[in-house]
Amino acid sequence: MGFEENRPHKPFYGFVMIYRYLRQRWLNRQTARTLQGLNKEQLRDIGLTCDDLSHWK
């Protein structure tokens, strides 16, 4: 077996996955903060209720 055969094809893929996970969590938190700033009328306009916001926490 040569050197090329033992090397992983994507050596930094684990770091990429961690970055994507943390970025998605950050985006979800940002969305939750934005939705919590809306009043009942604005939430109803986009088809949500105050109870739906508990799923974002």
PDB file of N, CA and C in Angstrom:
ATOM      1  N   MET A   1       0.822  -1.174   0.000  1.00  0.00           N
ATOM      2  CA  MET A   1       0.000   0.000   0.000  1.00  0.00           C
ATOM      3  C   MET A   1       0.868   1.240   0.000  1.00  0.00           C
ATOM      4  N   GLY A   2       0.564   2.124  -0.871  1.00  0.00           N
ATOM      5  CA  GLY A   2       1.332   3.355  -0.957  1.00  0.00           C
ATOM      6  C   GLY A   2       0.776   4.440  -0.051  1.00  0.00           C
ATOM      7  N   PHE A   3       1.479   5.524  -0.003  1.00  0.00           N
ATOM      8  CA  PHE A   3       1.087   6.652   0.842  1.00  0.00           C
ATOM      9  C   PHE A   3      -0.277   7.199   0.446  1.00  0.00           C
ATOM     10  N   GLU A   4      -0.536   7.265  -0.844  1.00  0.00           N
ATOM     11  CA  GLU A   4      -1.788   7.838  -1.334  1.00  0.00           C
ATOM     12  C   GLU A   4      -2.998   7.001  -0.943  1.00  0.00           C
ATOM     13  N   GLU A   5      -2.843   5.717  -0.786  1.00  0.00           N
ATOM     14  CA  GLU A   5      -3.958   4.837  -0.487  1.00  0.00           C
ATOM     15  C   GLU A   5      -4.398   4.943   0.968  1.00  0.00           C
ATOM     16  N   ASN A   6      -3.520   5.331   1.856  1.00  0.00           N
ATOM     17  CA  ASN A   6      -3.853   5.408   3.273  1.00  0.00           C
ATOM     18  C   ASN A   6      -4.405   6.762   3.695  1.00  0.00           C
ATOM     19  N   ARG A   7      -4.320   7.735   2.841  1.00  0.00           N
ATOM     20  CA  ARG A   7      -4.796   9.068   3.195  1.00  0.00           C
ATOM     21  C   ARG A   7      -6.309   9.166   3.025  1.00  0.00           C
ATOM     22  N   PRO A   8      -6.995   9.825   3.950  1.00  0.00           N
ATOM     23  CA  PRO A   8      -8.432  10.040   3.766  1.00  0.00           C
ATOM     24  C   PRO A   8      -8.671  11.035   2.627  1.00  0.00           C
ATOM     25  N   HIS A   9      -9.780  10.882   1.966  1.00  0.00           N
ATOM     26  CA  HIS A   9     -10.090  11.744   0.832  1.00  0.00           C
ATOM     27  C   HIS A   9     -10.503  13.144   1.274  1.00  0.00           C
ATOM     28  N   LYS A  10     -11.133  13.242   2.436  1.00  0.00           N
ATOM     29  CA  LYS A  10     -11.576  14.539   2.948  1.00  0.00           C
ATOM     30  C   LYS A  10     -11.088  14.676   4.385  1.00  0.00           C
ATOM     31  N   PRO A  11      -9.849  15.087   4.582  1.00  0.00           N
ATOM     32  CA  PRO A  11      -9.292  15.095   5.936  1.00  0.00           C
ATOM     33  C   PRO A  11      -9.946  16.103   6.875  1.00  0.00           C
ATOM     34  N   PHE A  12     -10.507  17.191   6.355  1.00  0.00           N
ATOM     35  CA  PHE A  12     -11.102  18.214   7.217  1.00  0.00           C
ATOM     36  C   PHE A  12     -12.621  18.176   7.209  1.00  0.00           C
ATOM     37  N   TYR A  13     -13.201  17.090   6.767  1.00  0.00           N
ATOM     38  CA  TYR A  13     -14.653  17.005   6.654  1.00  0.00           C
ATOM     39  C   TYR A  13     -15.321  17.103   8.020  1.00  0.00           C
ATOM     40  N   GLY A  14     -14.687  16.592   9.059  1.00  0.00           N
ATOM     41  CA  GLY A  14     -15.241  16.700  10.416  1.00  0.00           C
ATOM     42  C   GLY A  14     -15.376  18.142  10.848  1.00  0.00           C
ATOM     43  N   PHE A  15     -14.380  18.968  10.518  1.00  0.00           N
ATOM     44  CA  PHE A  15     -14.452  20.384  10.842  1.00  0.00           C
ATOM     45  C   PHE A  15     -15.559  21.082  10.060  1.00  0.00           C
ATOM     46  N   VAL A  16     -15.744  20.665   8.832  1.00  0.00           N
ATOM     47  CA  VAL A  16     -16.816  21.225   8.003  1.00  0.00           C
ATOM     48  C   VAL A  16     -18.169  20.880   8.613  1.00  0.00           C
ATOM     49  N   MET A  17     -18.339  19.666   9.071  1.00  0.00           N
ATOM     50  CA  MET A  17     -19.604  19.256   9.674  1.00  0.00           C
ATOM     51  C   MET A  17     -19.876  20.021  10.971  1.00  0.00           C
ATOM     52  N   ILE A  18     -18.852  20.219  11.775  1.00  0.00           N
ATOM     53  CA  ILE A  18     -19.017  20.989  13.013  1.00  0.00           C
ATOM     54  C   ILE A  18     -19.391  22.426  12.686  1.00  0.00           C
ATOM     55  N   TYR A  19     -18.721  23.022  11.695  1.00  0.00           N
ATOM     56  CA  TYR A  19     -19.045  24.386  11.277  1.00  0.00           C
ATOM     57  C   TYR A  19     -20.485  24.491  10.805  1.00  0.00           C
ATOM     58  N   ARG A  20     -20.931  23.550   9.990  1.00  0.00           N
ATOM     59  CA  ARG A  20     -22.309  23.578   9.483  1.00  0.00           C
ATOM     60  C   ARG A  20     -23.319  23.446  10.613  1.00  0.00           C
ATOM     61  N   TYR A  21     -23.031  22.580  11.582  1.00  0.00           N
ATOM     62  CA  TYR A  21     -23.926  22.388  12.720  1.00  0.00           C
ATOM     63  C   TYR A  21     -24.037  23.679  13.535  1.00  0.00           C
ATOM     64  N   LEU A  22     -22.890  24.294  13.843  1.00  0.00           N
ATOM     65  CA  LEU A  22     -22.905  25.522  14.631  1.00  0.00           C
ATOM     66  C   LEU A  22     -23.568  26.666  13.876  1.00  0.00           C
ATOM     67  N   ARG A  23     -23.347  26.734  12.582  1.00  0.00           N
ATOM     68  CA  ARG A  23     -23.982  27.778  11.772  1.00  0.00           C
ATOM     69  C   ARG A  23     -25.495  27.599  11.740  1.00  0.00           C
ATOM     70  N   GLN A  24     -25.956  26.372  11.614  1.00  0.00           N
ATOM     71  CA  GLN A  24     -27.392  26.118  11.593  1.00  0.00           C
ATOM     72  C   GLN A  24     -28.035  26.469  12.927  1.00  0.00           C
ATOM     73  N   ARG A  25     -27.349  26.147  14.036  1.00  0.00           N
ATOM     74  CA  ARG A  25     -27.864  26.514  15.360  1.00  0.00           C
ATOM     75  C   ARG A  25     -27.948  28.032  15.496  1.00  0.00           C
ATOM     76  N   TRP A  26     -26.929  28.750  15.004  1.00  0.00           N
ATOM     77  CA  TRP A  26     -26.929  30.199  15.073  1.00  0.00           C
ATOM     78  C   TRP A  26     -28.083  30.783  14.262  1.00  0.00           C
ATOM     79  N   LEU A  27     -28.316  30.241  13.071  1.00  0.00           N
ATOM     80  CA  LEU A  27     -29.415  30.726  12.234  1.00  0.00           C
ATOM     81  C   LEU A  27     -30.763  30.443  12.886  1.00  0.00           C
ATOM     82  N   ASN A  28     -30.905  29.276  13.517  1.00  0.00           N
ATOM     83  CA  ASN A  28     -32.158  28.962  14.209  1.00  0.00           C
ATOM     84  C   ASN A  28     -32.398  29.913  15.374  1.00  0.00           C
ATOM     85  N   ARG A  29     -31.353  30.232  16.129  1.00  0.00           N
ATOM     86  CA  ARG A  29     -31.496  31.176  17.237  1.00  0.00           C
ATOM     87  C   ARG A  29     -31.864  32.567  16.735  1.00  0.00           C
ATOM     88  N   GLN A  30     -31.256  32.974  15.635  1.00  0.00           N
ATOM     89  CA  GLN A  30     -31.555  34.278  15.061  1.00  0.00           C
ATOM     90  C   GLN A  30     -33.013  34.330  14.605  1.00  0.00           C
ATOM     91  N   THR A  31     -33.494  33.268  14.004  1.00  0.00           N
ATOM     92  CA  THR A  31     -34.887  33.200  13.576  1.00  0.00           C
ATOM     93  C   THR A  31     -35.818  33.257  14.774  1.00  0.00           C
ATOM     94  N   ALA A  32     -35.481  32.536  15.842  1.00  0.00           N
ATOM     95  CA  ALA A  32     -36.306  32.536  17.048  1.00  0.00           C
ATOM     96  C   ALA A  32     -36.377  33.934  17.655  1.00  0.00           C
ATOM     97  N   ARG A  33     -35.242  34.631  17.705  1.00  0.00           N
ATOM     98  CA  ARG A  33     -35.236  35.993  18.252  1.00  0.00           C
ATOM     99  C   ARG A  33     -36.104  36.923  17.410  1.00  0.00           C
ATOM    100  N   THR A  34     -36.047  36.770  16.116  1.00  0.00           N
ATOM    101  CA  THR A  34     -36.852  37.610  15.229  1.00  0.00           C
ATOM    102  C   THR A  34     -38.333  37.329  15.423  1.00  0.00           C
ATOM    103  N   LEU A  35     -38.691  36.054  15.496  1.00  0.00           N
ATOM    104  CA  LEU A  35     -40.099  35.698  15.667  1.00  0.00           C
ATOM    105  C   LEU A  35     -40.633  36.119  17.023  1.00  0.00           C
ATOM    106  N   GLN A  36     -39.811  36.082  18.053  1.00  0.00           N
ATOM    107  CA  GLN A  36     -40.267  36.483  19.375  1.00  0.00           C
ATOM    108  C   GLN A  36     -40.521  37.985  19.460  1.00  0.00           C
ATOM    109  N   GLY A  37     -39.931  38.736  18.556  1.00  0.00           N
ATOM    110  CA  GLY A  37     -40.151  40.174  18.532  1.00  0.00           C
ATOM    111  C   GLY A  37     -41.444  40.579  17.850  1.00  0.00           C
ATOM    112  N   LEU A  38     -42.130  39.645  17.234  1.00  0.00           N
ATOM    113  CA  LEU A  38     -43.374  39.951  16.530  1.00  0.00           C
ATOM    114  C   LEU A  38     -44.560  39.865  17.481  1.00  0.00           C
ATOM    115  N   ASN A  39     -45.586  40.665  17.206  1.00  0.00           N
ATOM    116  CA  ASN A  39     -46.796  40.580  18.022  1.00  0.00           C
ATOM    117  C   ASN A  39     -47.748  39.526  17.446  1.00  0.00           C
ATOM    118  N   LYS A  40     -48.879  39.330  18.113  1.00  0.00           N
ATOM    119  CA  LYS A  40     -49.817  38.264  17.710  1.00  0.00           C
ATOM    120  C   LYS A  40     -50.365  38.478  16.305  1.00  0.00           C
ATOM    121  N   GLU A  41     -50.624  39.712  15.961  1.00  0.00           N
ATOM    122  CA  GLU A  41     -51.163  40.006  14.632  1.00  0.00           C
ATOM    123  C   GLU A  41     -50.147  39.664  13.535  1.00  0.00           C
ATOM    124  N   GLN A  42     -48.906  40.028  13.755  1.00  0.00           N
ATOM    125  CA  GLN A  42     -47.875  39.744  12.759  1.00  0.00           C
ATOM    126  C   GLN A  42     -47.632  38.245  12.639  1.00  0.00           C
ATOM    127  N   LEU A  43     -47.665  37.536  13.762  1.00  0.00           N
ATOM    128  CA  LEU A  43     -47.510  36.083  13.716  1.00  0.00           C
ATOM    129  C   LEU A  43     -48.657  35.430  12.950  1.00  0.00           C
ATOM    130  N   ARG A  44     -49.863  35.932  13.184  1.00  0.00           N
ATOM    131  CA  ARG A  44     -51.021  35.369  12.492  1.00  0.00           C
ATOM    132  C   ARG A  44     -50.914  35.604  10.984  1.00  0.00           C
ATOM    133  N   ASP A  45     -50.332  36.725  10.574  1.00  0.00           N
ATOM    134  CA  ASP A  45     -50.156  37.014   9.148  1.00  0.00           C
ATOM    135  C   ASP A  45     -49.259  35.992   8.450  1.00  0.00           C
ATOM    136  N   ILE A  46     -48.297  35.458   9.177  1.00  0.00           N
ATOM    137  CA  ILE A  46     -47.410  34.469   8.557  1.00  0.00           C
ATOM    138  C   ILE A  46     -47.819  33.035   8.910  1.00  0.00           C
ATOM    139  N   GLY A  47     -48.949  32.888   9.587  1.00  0.00           N
ATOM    140  CA  GLY A  47     -49.496  31.556   9.843  1.00  0.00           C
ATOM    141  C   GLY A  47     -48.953  30.871  11.086  1.00  0.00           C
ATOM    142  N   LEU A  48     -48.527  31.642  12.068  1.00  0.00           N
ATOM    143  CA  LEU A  48     -48.014  31.075  13.308  1.00  0.00           C
ATOM    144  C   LEU A  48     -48.806  31.592  14.493  1.00  0.00           C
ATOM    145  N   THR A  49     -48.684  30.882  15.608  1.00  0.00           N
ATOM    146  CA  THR A  49     -49.283  31.350  16.866  1.00  0.00           C
ATOM    147  C   THR A  49     -48.165  31.471  17.893  1.00  0.00           C
ATOM    148  N   CYS A  50     -48.496  32.014  19.044  1.00  0.00           N
ATOM    149  CA  CYS A  50     -47.504  32.135  20.119  1.00  0.00           C
ATOM    150  C   CYS A  50     -47.059  30.766  20.605  1.00  0.00           C
ATOM    151  N   ASP A  51     -47.942  29.791  20.543  1.00  0.00           N
ATOM    152  CA  ASP A  51     -47.584  28.424  20.964  1.00  0.00           C
ATOM    153  C   ASP A  51     -46.579  27.800  20.014  1.00  0.00           C
ATOM    154  N   ASP A  52     -46.614  28.161  18.746  1.00  0.00           N
ATOM    155  CA  ASP A  52     -45.656  27.626  17.779  1.00  0.00           C
ATOM    156  C   ASP A  52     -44.236  28.084  18.083  1.00  0.00           C
ATOM    157  N   LEU A  53     -44.086  29.220  18.728  1.00  0.00           N
ATOM    158  CA  LEU A  53     -42.758  29.739  19.020  1.00  0.00           C
ATOM    159  C   LEU A  53     -42.036  28.897  20.070  1.00  0.00           C
ATOM    160  N   SER A  54     -42.778  28.149  20.862  1.00  0.00           N
ATOM    161  CA  SER A  54     -42.125  27.320  21.880  1.00  0.00           C
ATOM    162  C   SER A  54     -41.273  26.219  21.233  1.00  0.00           C
ATOM    163  N   HIS A  55     -41.558  25.857  19.999  1.00  0.00           N
ATOM    164  CA  HIS A  55     -40.759  24.844  19.299  1.00  0.00           C
ATOM    165  C   HIS A  55     -39.410  25.389  18.878  1.00  0.00           C
ATOM    166  N   TRP A  56     -39.247  26.703  18.807  1.00  0.00           N
ATOM    167  CA  TRP A  56     -38.012  27.321  18.371  1.00  0.00           C
ATOM    168  C   TRP A  56     -37.015  27.501  19.504  1.00  0.00           C
ATOM    169  N   LYS A  57     -37.464  27.325  20.735  1.00  0.00           N
ATOM    170  CA  LYS A  57     -36.573  27.548  21.879  1.00  0.00           C
ATOM    171  C   LYS A  57     -35.675  26.381  22.124  1.00  0.00           C
TER     172      LYS A  57
END
